[in-house]
PDB file of N, CA and C in Angstrom:
ATOM      1  N   UNK A   1      73.754 206.529 180.633  1.00  0.00           N
ATOM      2  CA  UNK A   1      75.032 207.206 180.438  1.00  0.00           C
ATOM      3  C   UNK A   1      76.106 206.082 180.140  1.00  0.00           C
ATOM      4  N   UNK A   2      77.126 206.451 179.405  1.00  0.00           N
ATOM      5  CA  UNK A   2      78.212 205.540 179.122  1.00  0.00           C
ATOM      6  C   UNK A   2      79.565 206.261 179.258  1.00  0.00           C
ATOM      7  N   UNK A   3      80.549 205.509 179.634  1.00  0.00           N
ATOM      8  CA  UNK A   3      81.907 206.039 179.762  1.00  0.00           C
ATOM      9  C   UNK A   3      82.601 205.825 178.455  1.00  0.00           C
ATOM     10  N   UNK A   4      82.984 206.888 177.813  1.00  0.00           N
ATOM     11  CA  UNK A   4      83.631 206.802 176.530  1.00  0.00           C
ATOM     12  C   UNK A   4      85.138 206.857 176.591  1.00  0.00           C
ATOM     13  N   UNK A   5      85.724 207.576 177.525  1.00  0.00           N
ATOM     14  CA  UNK A   5      87.161 207.722 177.676  1.00  0.00           C
ATOM     15  C   UNK A   5      87.480 207.315 179.083  1.00  0.00           C
ATOM     16  N   UNK A   6      88.510 206.358 179.165  1.00  0.00           N
ATOM     17  CA  UNK A   6      88.966 205.920 180.454  1.00  0.00           C
ATOM     18  C   UNK A   6      90.499 205.818 180.412  1.00  0.00           C
ATOM     19  N   UNK A   7      91.164 206.570 181.280  1.00  0.00           N
ATOM     20  CA  UNK A   7      92.627 206.569 181.238  1.00  0.00           C
ATOM     21  C   UNK A   7      93.119 206.715 182.642  1.00  0.00           C
ATOM     22  N   UNK A   8      93.742 205.616 183.144  1.00  0.00           N
ATOM     23  CA  UNK A   8      94.375 205.632 184.463  1.00  0.00           C
ATOM     24  C   UNK A   8      95.848 205.421 184.411  1.00  0.00           C
ATOM     25  N   UNK A   9      96.413 205.992 183.288  1.00  0.00           N
ATOM     26  CA  UNK A   9      97.852 205.856 183.136  1.00  0.00           C
ATOM     27  C   UNK A   9      98.623 206.550 184.257  1.00  0.00           C
ATOM     28  N   UNK A  10      99.761 205.944 184.598  1.00  0.00           N
ATOM     29  CA  UNK A  10     100.677 206.495 185.576  1.00  0.00           C
ATOM     30  C   UNK A  10     100.036 206.798 186.939  1.00  0.00           C
ATOM     31  N   UNK A  11      99.230 205.821 187.495  1.00  0.00           N
ATOM     32  CA  UNK A  11      98.654 205.940 188.788  1.00  0.00           C
ATOM     33  C   UNK A  11      99.104 204.942 189.817  1.00  0.00           C
ATOM     34  N   UNK A  12     100.192 204.191 189.549  1.00  0.00           N
ATOM     35  CA  UNK A  12     100.703 203.213 190.454  1.00  0.00           C
ATOM     36  C   UNK A  12      99.701 202.135 190.821  1.00  0.00           C
ATOM     37  N   UNK A  13      98.858 201.723 189.846  1.00  0.00           N
ATOM     38  CA  UNK A  13      97.888 200.696 190.111  1.00  0.00           C
ATOM     39  C   UNK A  13      98.511 199.353 190.116  1.00  0.00           C
ATOM     40  N   UNK A  14      97.954 198.355 190.902  1.00  0.00           N
ATOM     41  CA  UNK A  14      98.448 196.997 190.860  1.00  0.00           C
ATOM     42  C   UNK A  14      97.223 196.063 190.766  1.00  0.00           C
ATOM     43  N   UNK A  15      97.525 194.800 190.356  1.00  0.00           N
ATOM     44  CA  UNK A  15      96.460 193.824 190.276  1.00  0.00           C
ATOM     45  C   UNK A  15      95.929 193.627 188.881  1.00  0.00           C
ATOM     46  N   UNK A  16      94.772 192.925 188.779  1.00  0.00           N
ATOM     47  CA  UNK A  16      94.224 192.610 187.530  1.00  0.00           C
ATOM     48  C   UNK A  16      93.379 193.790 187.027  1.00  0.00           C
ATOM     49  N   UNK A  17      93.309 193.972 185.724  1.00  0.00           N
ATOM     50  CA  UNK A  17      92.435 194.942 185.122  1.00  0.00           C
ATOM     51  C   UNK A  17      91.066 194.401 185.024  1.00  0.00           C
ATOM     52  N   UNK A  18      90.029 195.136 185.223  1.00  0.00           N
ATOM     53  CA  UNK A  18      88.645 194.688 185.132  1.00  0.00           C
ATOM     54  C   UNK A  18      88.271 194.331 183.740  1.00  0.00           C
ATOM     55  N   UNK A  19      87.485 193.255 183.584  1.00  0.00           N
ATOM     56  CA  UNK A  19      87.086 192.769 182.255  1.00  0.00           C
ATOM     57  C   UNK A  19      85.590 192.881 182.059  1.00  0.00           C
ATOM     58  N   UNK A  20      84.805 193.263 183.094  1.00  0.00           N
ATOM     59  CA  UNK A  20      83.388 193.264 182.996  1.00  0.00           C
ATOM     60  C   UNK A  20      82.881 194.633 182.661  1.00  0.00           C
ATOM     61  N   UNK A  21      81.624 194.667 182.141  1.00  0.00           N
ATOM     62  CA  UNK A  21      80.991 195.980 181.872  1.00  0.00           C
ATOM     63  C   UNK A  21      81.761 196.776 180.902  1.00  0.00           C
ATOM     64  N   UNK A  22      81.739 198.073 181.099  1.00  0.00           N
ATOM     65  CA  UNK A  22      82.397 198.956 180.130  1.00  0.00           C
ATOM     66  C   UNK A  22      83.871 198.853 180.142  1.00  0.00           C
ATOM     67  N   UNK A  23      84.478 198.358 181.240  1.00  0.00           N
ATOM     68  CA  UNK A  23      85.922 198.249 181.314  1.00  0.00           C
ATOM     69  C   UNK A  23      86.462 197.258 180.286  1.00  0.00           C
ATOM     70  N   UNK A  24      85.702 196.305 179.813  1.00  0.00           N
ATOM     71  CA  UNK A  24      86.167 195.339 178.809  1.00  0.00           C
ATOM     72  C   UNK A  24      86.304 196.000 177.445  1.00  0.00           C
ATOM     73  N   UNK A  25      85.831 197.230 177.252  1.00  0.00           N
ATOM     74  CA  UNK A  25      85.885 197.852 175.957  1.00  0.00           C
ATOM     75  C   UNK A  25      87.059 198.774 175.798  1.00  0.00           C
ATOM     76  N   UNK A  26      87.858 199.006 176.794  1.00  0.00           N
ATOM     77  CA  UNK A  26      88.965 199.909 176.713  1.00  0.00           C
ATOM     78  C   UNK A  26      90.224 199.101 176.475  1.00  0.00           C
ATOM     79  N   UNK A  27      91.162 199.681 175.634  1.00  0.00           N
ATOM     80  CA  UNK A  27      92.360 198.950 175.233  1.00  0.00           C
ATOM     81  C   UNK A  27      93.491 199.183 176.244  1.00  0.00           C
ATOM     82  N   UNK A  28      94.592 198.507 176.060  1.00  0.00           N
ATOM     83  CA  UNK A  28      95.707 198.609 176.983  1.00  0.00           C
ATOM     84  C   UNK A  28      96.380 199.941 177.123  1.00  0.00           C
ATOM     85  N   UNK A  29      96.105 200.861 176.184  1.00  0.00           N
ATOM     86  CA  UNK A  29      96.720 202.183 176.320  1.00  0.00           C
ATOM     87  C   UNK A  29      96.114 202.975 177.480  1.00  0.00           C
ATOM     88  N   UNK A  30      94.908 202.607 177.985  1.00  0.00           N
ATOM     89  CA  UNK A  30      94.287 203.216 179.094  1.00  0.00           C
ATOM     90  C   UNK A  30      95.019 202.957 180.365  1.00  0.00           C
ATOM     91  N   UNK A  31      95.906 201.957 180.402  1.00  0.00           N
ATOM     92  CA  UNK A  31      96.567 201.522 181.648  1.00  0.00           C
ATOM     93  C   UNK A  31      98.072 201.686 181.632  1.00  0.00           C
ATOM     94  N   UNK A  32      98.646 202.395 180.625  1.00  0.00           N
ATOM     95  CA  UNK A  32     100.074 202.542 180.545  1.00  0.00           C
ATOM     96  C   UNK A  32     100.688 203.150 181.789  1.00  0.00           C
ATOM     97  N   UNK A  33     101.918 202.827 182.034  1.00  0.00           N
ATOM     98  CA  UNK A  33     102.650 203.439 183.155  1.00  0.00           C
ATOM     99  C   UNK A  33     102.323 202.826 184.579  1.00  0.00           C
ATOM    100  N   UNK A  34     101.655 201.729 184.596  1.00  0.00           N
ATOM    101  CA  UNK A  34     101.322 201.049 185.851  1.00  0.00           C
ATOM    102  C   UNK A  34     102.018 199.664 185.805  1.00  0.00           C
ATOM    103  N   UNK A  35     103.354 199.608 186.200  1.00  0.00           N
ATOM    104  CA  UNK A  35     104.044 198.317 186.036  1.00  0.00           C
ATOM    105  C   UNK A  35     103.534 197.213 186.918  1.00  0.00           C
ATOM    106  N   UNK A  36     102.788 197.466 187.973  1.00  0.00           N
ATOM    107  CA  UNK A  36     102.200 196.438 188.798  1.00  0.00           C
ATOM    108  C   UNK A  36     100.828 195.996 188.323  1.00  0.00           C
ATOM    109  N   UNK A  37     100.350 196.467 187.267  1.00  0.00           N
ATOM    110  CA  UNK A  37      98.995 196.148 186.799  1.00  0.00           C
ATOM    111  C   UNK A  37      99.084 195.046 185.743  1.00  0.00           C
ATOM    112  N   UNK A  38      98.319 193.987 185.977  1.00  0.00           N
ATOM    113  CA  UNK A  38      98.256 192.876 185.076  1.00  0.00           C
ATOM    114  C   UNK A  38      97.114 193.095 184.040  1.00  0.00           C
ATOM    115  N   UNK A  39      97.503 193.300 182.818  1.00  0.00           N
ATOM    116  CA  UNK A  39      96.540 193.588 181.801  1.00  0.00           C
ATOM    117  C   UNK A  39      96.076 192.340 181.096  1.00  0.00           C
ATOM    118  N   UNK A  40      94.913 191.841 181.502  1.00  0.00           N
ATOM    119  CA  UNK A  40      94.445 190.577 181.002  1.00  0.00           C
ATOM    120  C   UNK A  40      93.551 190.812 179.772  1.00  0.00           C
ATOM    121  N   UNK A  41      93.195 192.040 179.400  1.00  0.00           N
ATOM    122  CA  UNK A  41      92.349 192.207 178.276  1.00  0.00           C
ATOM    123  C   UNK A  41      93.131 192.252 176.918  1.00  0.00           C
ATOM    124  N   UNK A  42      94.367 191.941 176.920  1.00  0.00           N
ATOM    125  CA  UNK A  42      95.063 191.867 175.677  1.00  0.00           C
ATOM    126  C   UNK A  42      95.369 190.368 175.351  1.00  0.00           C
ATOM    127  N   UNK A  43      94.552 189.480 175.978  1.00  0.00           N
ATOM    128  CA  UNK A  43      94.613 188.010 175.727  1.00  0.00           C
ATOM    129  C   UNK A  43      95.930 187.410 176.022  1.00  0.00           C
ATOM    130  N   UNK A  44      96.561 187.863 177.094  1.00  0.00           N
ATOM    131  CA  UNK A  44      97.850 187.264 177.589  1.00  0.00           C
ATOM    132  C   UNK A  44      97.582 186.801 179.017  1.00  0.00           C
ATOM    133  N   UNK A  45      98.230 185.723 179.352  1.00  0.00           N
ATOM    134  CA  UNK A  45      98.033 185.200 180.682  1.00  0.00           C
ATOM    135  C   UNK A  45      98.676 186.047 181.765  1.00  0.00           C
ATOM    136  N   UNK A  46      98.024 186.101 182.912  1.00  0.00           N
ATOM    137  CA  UNK A  46      98.550 186.886 184.007  1.00  0.00           C
ATOM    138  C   UNK A  46      98.881 185.995 185.180  1.00  0.00           C
ATOM    139  N   UNK A  47      99.709 185.022 184.924  1.00  0.00           N
ATOM    140  CA  UNK A  47     100.023 184.072 185.954  1.00  0.00           C
ATOM    141  C   UNK A  47     100.902 184.627 187.053  1.00  0.00           C
ATOM    142  N   UNK A  48     101.035 183.964 188.185  1.00  0.00           N
ATOM    143  CA  UNK A  48     101.852 184.466 189.274  1.00  0.00           C
ATOM    144  C   UNK A  48     103.342 184.442 188.935  1.00  0.00           C
ATOM    145  N   UNK A  49     103.791 183.490 188.091  1.00  0.00           N
ATOM    146  CA  UNK A  49     105.192 183.408 187.756  1.00  0.00           C
ATOM    147  C   UNK A  49     105.680 184.535 186.871  1.00  0.00           C
ATOM    148  N   UNK A  50     104.876 184.886 185.867  1.00  0.00           N
ATOM    149  CA  UNK A  50     105.308 185.874 184.895  1.00  0.00           C
ATOM    150  C   UNK A  50     104.099 186.805 184.647  1.00  0.00           C
ATOM    151  N   UNK A  51     103.911 187.821 185.461  1.00  0.00           N
ATOM    152  CA  UNK A  51     102.781 188.646 185.229  1.00  0.00           C
ATOM    153  C   UNK A  51     102.944 189.521 183.947  1.00  0.00           C
ATOM    154  N   UNK A  52     101.818 189.746 183.306  1.00  0.00           N
ATOM    155  CA  UNK A  52     101.808 190.602 182.121  1.00  0.00           C
ATOM    156  C   UNK A  52     101.648 192.057 182.589  1.00  0.00           C
ATOM    157  N   UNK A  53     102.708 192.818 182.343  1.00  0.00           N
ATOM    158  CA  UNK A  53     102.658 194.245 182.734  1.00  0.00           C
ATOM    159  C   UNK A  53     103.013 195.064 181.517  1.00  0.00           C
ATOM    160  N   UNK A  54     102.376 196.214 181.477  1.00  0.00           N
ATOM    161  CA  UNK A  54     102.597 197.120 180.369  1.00  0.00           C
ATOM    162  C   UNK A  54     103.888 197.933 180.532  1.00  0.00           C
ATOM    163  N   UNK A  55     104.641 198.179 179.440  1.00  0.00           N
ATOM    164  CA  UNK A  55     105.810 199.031 179.568  1.00  0.00           C
ATOM    165  C   UNK A  55     105.363 200.492 179.730  1.00  0.00           C
ATOM    166  N   UNK A  56     106.211 201.277 180.378  1.00  0.00           N
ATOM    167  CA  UNK A  56     105.843 202.715 180.496  1.00  0.00           C
ATOM    168  C   UNK A  56     105.794 203.355 179.184  1.00  0.00           C
ATOM    169  N   UNK A  57     104.833 204.268 179.025  1.00  0.00           N
ATOM    170  CA  UNK A  57     104.638 204.999 177.757  1.00  0.00           C
ATOM    171  C   UNK A  57     105.818 205.977 177.686  1.00  0.00           C
ATOM    172  N   UNK A  58     106.444 205.971 176.502  1.00  0.00           N
ATOM    173  CA  UNK A  58     107.562 206.863 176.314  1.00  0.00           C
ATOM    174  C   UNK A  58     107.049 208.236 175.823  1.00  0.00           C
ATOM    175  N   UNK A  59     107.653 209.284 176.338  1.00  0.00           N
ATOM    176  CA  UNK A  59     107.273 210.684 175.954  1.00  0.00           C
ATOM    177  C   UNK A  59     108.342 211.083 174.967  1.00  0.00           C
ATOM    178  N   UNK A  60     107.942 211.439 173.753  1.00  0.00           N
ATOM    179  CA  UNK A  60     108.878 211.843 172.742  1.00  0.00           C
ATOM    180  C   UNK A  60     109.289 213.296 172.775  1.00  0.00           C
ATOM    181  N   UNK A  61     108.565 214.084 173.587  1.00  0.00           N
ATOM    182  CA  UNK A  61     108.900 215.438 173.690  1.00  0.00           C
ATOM    183  C   UNK A  61     110.106 215.604 174.613  1.00  0.00           C
ATOM    184  N   UNK A  62     111.060 216.416 174.111  1.00  0.00           N
ATOM    185  CA  UNK A  62     112.306 216.658 174.950  1.00  0.00           C
ATOM    186  C   UNK A  62     112.187 217.996 175.601  1.00  0.00           C
ATOM    187  N   UNK A  63     112.202 217.942 176.944  1.00  0.00           N
ATOM    188  CA  UNK A  63     112.089 219.197 177.684  1.00  0.00           C
ATOM    189  C   UNK A  63     113.401 219.359 178.403  1.00  0.00           C
ATOM    190  N   UNK A  64     114.006 220.547 178.305  1.00  0.00           N
ATOM    191  CA  UNK A  64     115.376 220.757 178.845  1.00  0.00           C
ATOM    192  C   UNK A  64     115.440 220.572 180.345  1.00  0.00           C
ATOM    193  N   UNK A  65     114.383 220.916 181.132  1.00  0.00           N
ATOM    194  CA  UNK A  65     114.483 220.751 182.540  1.00  0.00           C
ATOM    195  C   UNK A  65     113.782 219.478 183.021  1.00  0.00           C
ATOM    196  N   UNK A  66     113.273 218.677 182.152  1.00  0.00           N
ATOM    197  CA  UNK A  66     112.649 217.418 182.590  1.00  0.00           C
ATOM    198  C   UNK A  66     111.244 217.626 183.104  1.00  0.00           C
ATOM    199  N   UNK A  67     110.665 218.743 182.896  1.00  0.00           N
ATOM    200  CA  UNK A  67     109.261 218.987 183.390  1.00  0.00           C
ATOM    201  C   UNK A  67     108.290 218.158 182.601  1.00  0.00           C
ATOM    202  N   UNK A  68     107.367 217.533 183.328  1.00  0.00           N
ATOM    203  CA  UNK A  68     106.377 216.687 182.688  1.00  0.00           C
ATOM    204  C   UNK A  68     105.105 217.430 182.379  1.00  0.00           C
ATOM    205  N   UNK A  69     105.117 218.744 182.431  1.00  0.00           N
ATOM    206  CA  UNK A  69     103.986 219.565 182.030  1.00  0.00           C
ATOM    207  C   UNK A  69     103.090 219.882 183.250  1.00  0.00           C
ATOM    208  N   UNK A  70     103.501 219.549 184.432  1.00  0.00           N
ATOM    209  CA  UNK A  70     102.695 219.871 185.563  1.00  0.00           C
ATOM    210  C   UNK A  70     103.005 221.285 186.131  1.00  0.00           C
ATOM    211  N   UNK A  71     102.312 221.641 187.149  1.00  0.00           N
ATOM    212  CA  UNK A  71     102.457 222.969 187.812  1.00  0.00           C
ATOM    213  C   UNK A  71     103.556 222.821 188.867  1.00  0.00           C
ATOM    214  N   UNK A  72     104.610 223.583 188.808  1.00  0.00           N
ATOM    215  CA  UNK A  72     105.665 223.476 189.809  1.00  0.00           C
ATOM    216  C   UNK A  72     105.252 224.287 191.081  1.00  0.00           C
ATOM    217  N   UNK A  73     106.012 224.140 192.127  1.00  0.00           N
ATOM    218  CA  UNK A  73     105.679 224.744 193.354  1.00  0.00           C
ATOM    219  C   UNK A  73     105.660 226.226 193.345  1.00  0.00           C
ATOM    220  N   UNK A  74     106.546 226.857 192.625  1.00  0.00           N
ATOM    221  CA  UNK A  74     106.610 228.319 192.644  1.00  0.00           C
ATOM    222  C   UNK A  74     105.368 228.883 191.939  1.00  0.00           C
ATOM    223  N   UNK A  75     104.948 228.299 190.812  1.00  0.00           N
ATOM    224  CA  UNK A  75     103.729 228.721 190.144  1.00  0.00           C
ATOM    225  C   UNK A  75     102.496 228.480 191.033  1.00  0.00           C
ATOM    226  N   UNK A  76     102.479 227.353 191.728  1.00  0.00           N
ATOM    227  CA  UNK A  76     101.368 227.086 192.641  1.00  0.00           C
ATOM    228  C   UNK A  76     101.264 228.146 193.720  1.00  0.00           C
ATOM    229  N   UNK A  77     102.428 228.429 194.280  1.00  0.00           N
ATOM    230  CA  UNK A  77     102.340 229.450 195.422  1.00  0.00           C
ATOM    231  C   UNK A  77     101.945 230.828 194.924  1.00  0.00           C
ATOM    232  N   UNK A  78     102.473 231.220 193.773  1.00  0.00           N
ATOM    233  CA  UNK A  78     102.048 232.554 193.211  1.00  0.00           C
ATOM    234  C   UNK A  78     100.564 232.555 192.964  1.00  0.00           C
ATOM    235  N   UNK A  79      99.989 231.539 192.329  1.00  0.00           N
ATOM    236  CA  UNK A  79      98.588 231.495 191.987  1.00  0.00           C
ATOM    237  C   UNK A  79      97.807 231.440 193.275  1.00  0.00           C
ATOM    238  N   UNK A  80      98.245 230.689 194.318  1.00  0.00           N
ATOM    239  CA  UNK A  80      97.516 230.600 195.571  1.00  0.00           C
ATOM    240  C   UNK A  80      97.546 231.988 196.236  1.00  0.00           C
ATOM    241  N   UNK A  81      98.671 232.684 196.241  1.00  0.00           N
ATOM    242  CA  UNK A  81      98.772 234.005 196.828  1.00  0.00           C
ATOM    243  C   UNK A  81      97.893 235.004 196.189  1.00  0.00           C
ATOM    244  N   UNK A  82      97.933 235.023 194.858  1.00  0.00           N
ATOM    245  CA  UNK A  82      97.094 236.019 194.132  1.00  0.00           C
ATOM    246  C   UNK A  82      95.593 235.717 194.339  1.00  0.00           C
ATOM    247  N   UNK A  83      95.248 234.445 194.300  1.00  0.00           N
ATOM    248  CA  UNK A  83      93.829 234.097 194.534  1.00  0.00           C
ATOM    249  C   UNK A  83      93.389 234.479 195.954  1.00  0.00           C
ATOM    250  N   UNK A  84      94.265 234.292 196.973  1.00  0.00           N
ATOM    251  CA  UNK A  84      93.890 234.607 198.344  1.00  0.00           C
ATOM    252  C   UNK A  84      93.723 236.140 198.478  1.00  0.00           C
ATOM    253  N   UNK A  85      94.567 236.934 197.806  1.00  0.00           N
ATOM    254  CA  UNK A  85      94.422 238.363 197.899  1.00  0.00           C
ATOM    255  C   UNK A  85      93.144 238.846 197.255  1.00  0.00           C
ATOM    256  N   UNK A  86      92.857 238.314 196.064  1.00  0.00           N
ATOM    257  CA  UNK A  86      91.652 238.711 195.364  1.00  0.00           C
ATOM    258  C   UNK A  86      90.418 238.298 196.125  1.00  0.00           C
ATOM    259  N   UNK A  87      90.388 237.110 196.819  1.00  0.00           N
ATOM    260  CA  UNK A  87      89.262 236.691 197.580  1.00  0.00           C
ATOM    261  C   UNK A  87      89.125 237.628 198.821  1.00  0.00           C
ATOM    262  N   UNK A  88      90.235 237.965 199.443  1.00  0.00           N
ATOM    263  CA  UNK A  88      90.162 238.831 200.595  1.00  0.00           C
ATOM    264  C   UNK A  88      89.595 240.270 200.230  1.00  0.00           C
ATOM    265  N   UNK A  89      90.139 240.827 199.103  1.00  0.00           N
ATOM    266  CA  UNK A  89      89.625 242.108 198.671  1.00  0.00           C
ATOM    267  C   UNK A  89      88.155 242.080 198.224  1.00  0.00           C
ATOM    268  N   UNK A  90      87.729 240.945 197.653  1.00  0.00           N
ATOM    269  CA  UNK A  90      86.307 240.838 197.264  1.00  0.00           C
ATOM    270  C   UNK A  90      85.448 240.768 198.514  1.00  0.00           C
ATOM    271  N   UNK A  91      85.881 240.046 199.549  1.00  0.00           N
ATOM    272  CA  UNK A  91      85.183 239.970 200.813  1.00  0.00           C
ATOM    273  C   UNK A  91      85.055 241.397 201.487  1.00  0.00           C
ATOM    274  N   UNK A  92      86.127 242.131 201.479  1.00  0.00           N
ATOM    275  CA  UNK A  92      86.132 243.512 202.030  1.00  0.00           C
ATOM    276  C   UNK A  92      85.153 244.381 201.212  1.00  0.00           C
ATOM    277  N   UNK A  93      85.221 244.254 199.878  1.00  0.00           N
ATOM    278  CA  UNK A  93      84.339 245.095 199.024  1.00  0.00           C
ATOM    279  C   UNK A  93      82.860 244.730 199.348  1.00  0.00           C
ATOM    280  N   UNK A  94      82.502 243.464 199.469  1.00  0.00           N
ATOM    281  CA  UNK A  94      81.097 243.101 199.737  1.00  0.00           C
ATOM    282  C   UNK A  94      80.702 243.617 201.100  1.00  0.00           C
ATOM    283  N   UNK A  95      81.578 243.504 202.102  1.00  0.00           N
ATOM    284  CA  UNK A  95      81.204 244.012 203.443  1.00  0.00           C
ATOM    285  C   UNK A  95      81.119 245.557 203.430  1.00  0.00           C
ATOM    286  N   UNK A  96      81.897 246.212 202.641  1.00  0.00           N
ATOM    287  CA  UNK A  96      81.841 247.724 202.580  1.00  0.00           C
ATOM    288  C   UNK A  96      80.531 248.191 201.880  1.00  0.00           C
ATOM    289  N   UNK A  97      80.074 247.412 200.911  1.00  0.00           N
ATOM    290  CA  UNK A  97      78.890 247.746 200.169  1.00  0.00           C
ATOM    291  C   UNK A  97      77.648 247.426 201.069  1.00  0.00           C
ATOM    292  N   UNK A  98      77.695 246.294 201.679  1.00  0.00           N
ATOM    293  CA  UNK A  98      76.480 245.773 202.465  1.00  0.00           C
ATOM    294  C   UNK A  98      76.921 245.689 203.924  1.00  0.00           C
ATOM    295  N   UNK A  99      76.941 246.762 204.654  1.00  0.00           N
ATOM    296  CA  UNK A  99      77.372 246.762 206.035  1.00  0.00           C
ATOM    297  C   UNK A  99      76.446 246.000 206.942  1.00  0.00           C
TER     298      UNK A  99
END
Protein backbone atom coordinates (compact mmCIF):
# COMPACT_ATOMS: atom_id res chain seq x y z
CA UNK A 1 0.00 0.00 0.00
CA UNK A 2 1.09 3.57 -0.57
CA UNK A 3 -0.10 6.93 0.65
CA UNK A 4 -1.00 9.09 -2.33
CA UNK A 5 -2.64 12.10 -0.68
CA UNK A 6 -1.39 13.65 2.53
CA UNK A 7 -2.80 16.91 3.86
CA UNK A 8 -2.44 18.12 7.44
CA UNK A 9 -3.23 21.77 6.71
CA UNK A 10 -4.57 23.91 9.56
CA UNK A 11 -3.88 21.42 12.37
CA UNK A 12 -1.67 23.59 14.63
CA UNK A 13 1.34 21.35 14.09
CA UNK A 14 4.79 22.38 15.29
CA UNK A 15 8.33 21.16 14.70
CA UNK A 16 10.14 19.70 11.72
CA UNK A 17 8.34 18.04 8.84
CA UNK A 18 9.32 14.42 8.23
CA UNK A 19 11.68 13.77 5.33
CA UNK A 20 11.89 9.99 5.35
CA UNK A 21 9.77 7.41 3.59
CA UNK A 22 6.66 8.55 1.81
CA UNK A 23 6.61 11.89 3.65
CA UNK A 24 9.54 13.09 1.54
CA UNK A 25 7.38 12.91 -1.58
CA UNK A 26 4.73 15.43 -0.50
CA UNK A 27 5.11 19.13 -1.26
CA UNK A 28 4.73 22.10 1.07
CA UNK A 29 1.04 22.58 0.23
CA UNK A 30 0.31 19.54 2.41
CA UNK A 31 1.39 21.54 5.44
CA UNK A 32 -0.24 24.98 4.89
CA UNK A 33 -1.76 26.80 7.84
CA UNK A 34 0.65 25.43 10.46
CA UNK A 35 2.73 28.49 11.42
CA UNK A 36 4.78 26.54 13.98
CA UNK A 37 5.80 23.88 11.48
CA UNK A 38 9.29 24.02 10.02
CA UNK A 39 9.09 22.86 6.43
CA UNK A 40 12.52 21.50 5.56
CA UNK A 41 11.50 19.73 2.37
CA UNK A 42 11.57 22.92 0.34
CA UNK A 43 15.37 23.10 0.72
CA UNK A 44 15.34 26.00 3.17
CA UNK A 45 17.16 25.98 6.47
CA UNK A 46 15.14 25.57 9.63
CA UNK A 47 17.51 27.12 12.11
CA UNK A 48 16.51 28.18 15.62
CA UNK A 49 17.02 31.88 14.82
CA UNK A 50 14.80 32.09 11.76
CA UNK A 51 12.50 29.09 11.37
CA UNK A 52 11.04 28.40 7.96
CA UNK A 53 7.27 28.50 8.33
CA UNK A 54 4.60 28.40 5.69
CA UNK A 55 2.20 31.30 5.29
CA UNK A 56 -1.47 30.51 5.86
CA UNK A 57 -3.31 29.47 2.74
CA UNK A 58 -5.63 32.24 1.61
CA UNK A 59 -9.21 31.40 0.81
CA UNK A 60 -10.46 33.33 -2.20
CA UNK A 61 -14.11 32.54 -1.61
CA UNK A 62 -15.98 35.36 0.07
CA UNK A 63 -18.63 34.18 2.48
CA UNK A 64 -20.86 36.85 3.98
CA UNK A 65 -20.93 35.36 7.48
CA UNK A 66 -17.34 34.11 7.53
CA UNK A 67 -18.31 30.45 7.58
CA UNK A 68 -15.43 28.16 6.65
CA UNK A 69 -17.73 25.47 5.30
CA UNK A 70 -18.04 23.52 8.52
CA UNK A 71 -21.15 22.36 10.32
CA UNK A 72 -22.44 24.94 12.79
CA UNK A 73 -23.89 24.06 16.18
CA UNK A 74 -27.55 24.48 15.20
CA UNK A 75 -27.22 22.11 12.25
CA UNK A 76 -25.35 19.63 14.43
CA UNK A 77 -28.03 19.68 17.12
CA UNK A 78 -30.85 19.24 14.58
CA UNK A 79 -29.11 16.31 12.90
CA UNK A 80 -28.29 14.75 16.27
CA UNK A 81 -31.89 15.11 17.43
CA UNK A 82 -33.38 13.65 14.24
CA UNK A 83 -30.90 10.76 14.29
CA UNK A 84 -31.70 10.03 17.93
CA UNK A 85 -35.46 9.97 17.27
CA UNK A 86 -35.04 7.68 14.24
CA UNK A 87 -32.79 5.32 16.22
CA UNK A 88 -35.29 5.24 19.10
CA UNK A 89 -38.23 4.52 16.77
CA UNK A 90 -36.24 1.81 14.97
CA UNK A 91 -35.47 0.16 18.32
CA UNK A 92 -39.15 0.28 19.31
CA UNK A 93 -40.15 -1.20 15.93
CA UNK A 94 -37.66 -4.07 16.26
CA UNK A 95 -38.84 -4.82 19.80
CA UNK A 96 -42.49 -4.73 18.69
CA UNK A 97 -41.83 -7.15 15.83
CA UNK A 98 -39.63 -9.51 17.85
CA UNK A 99 -40.95 -9.52 21.43
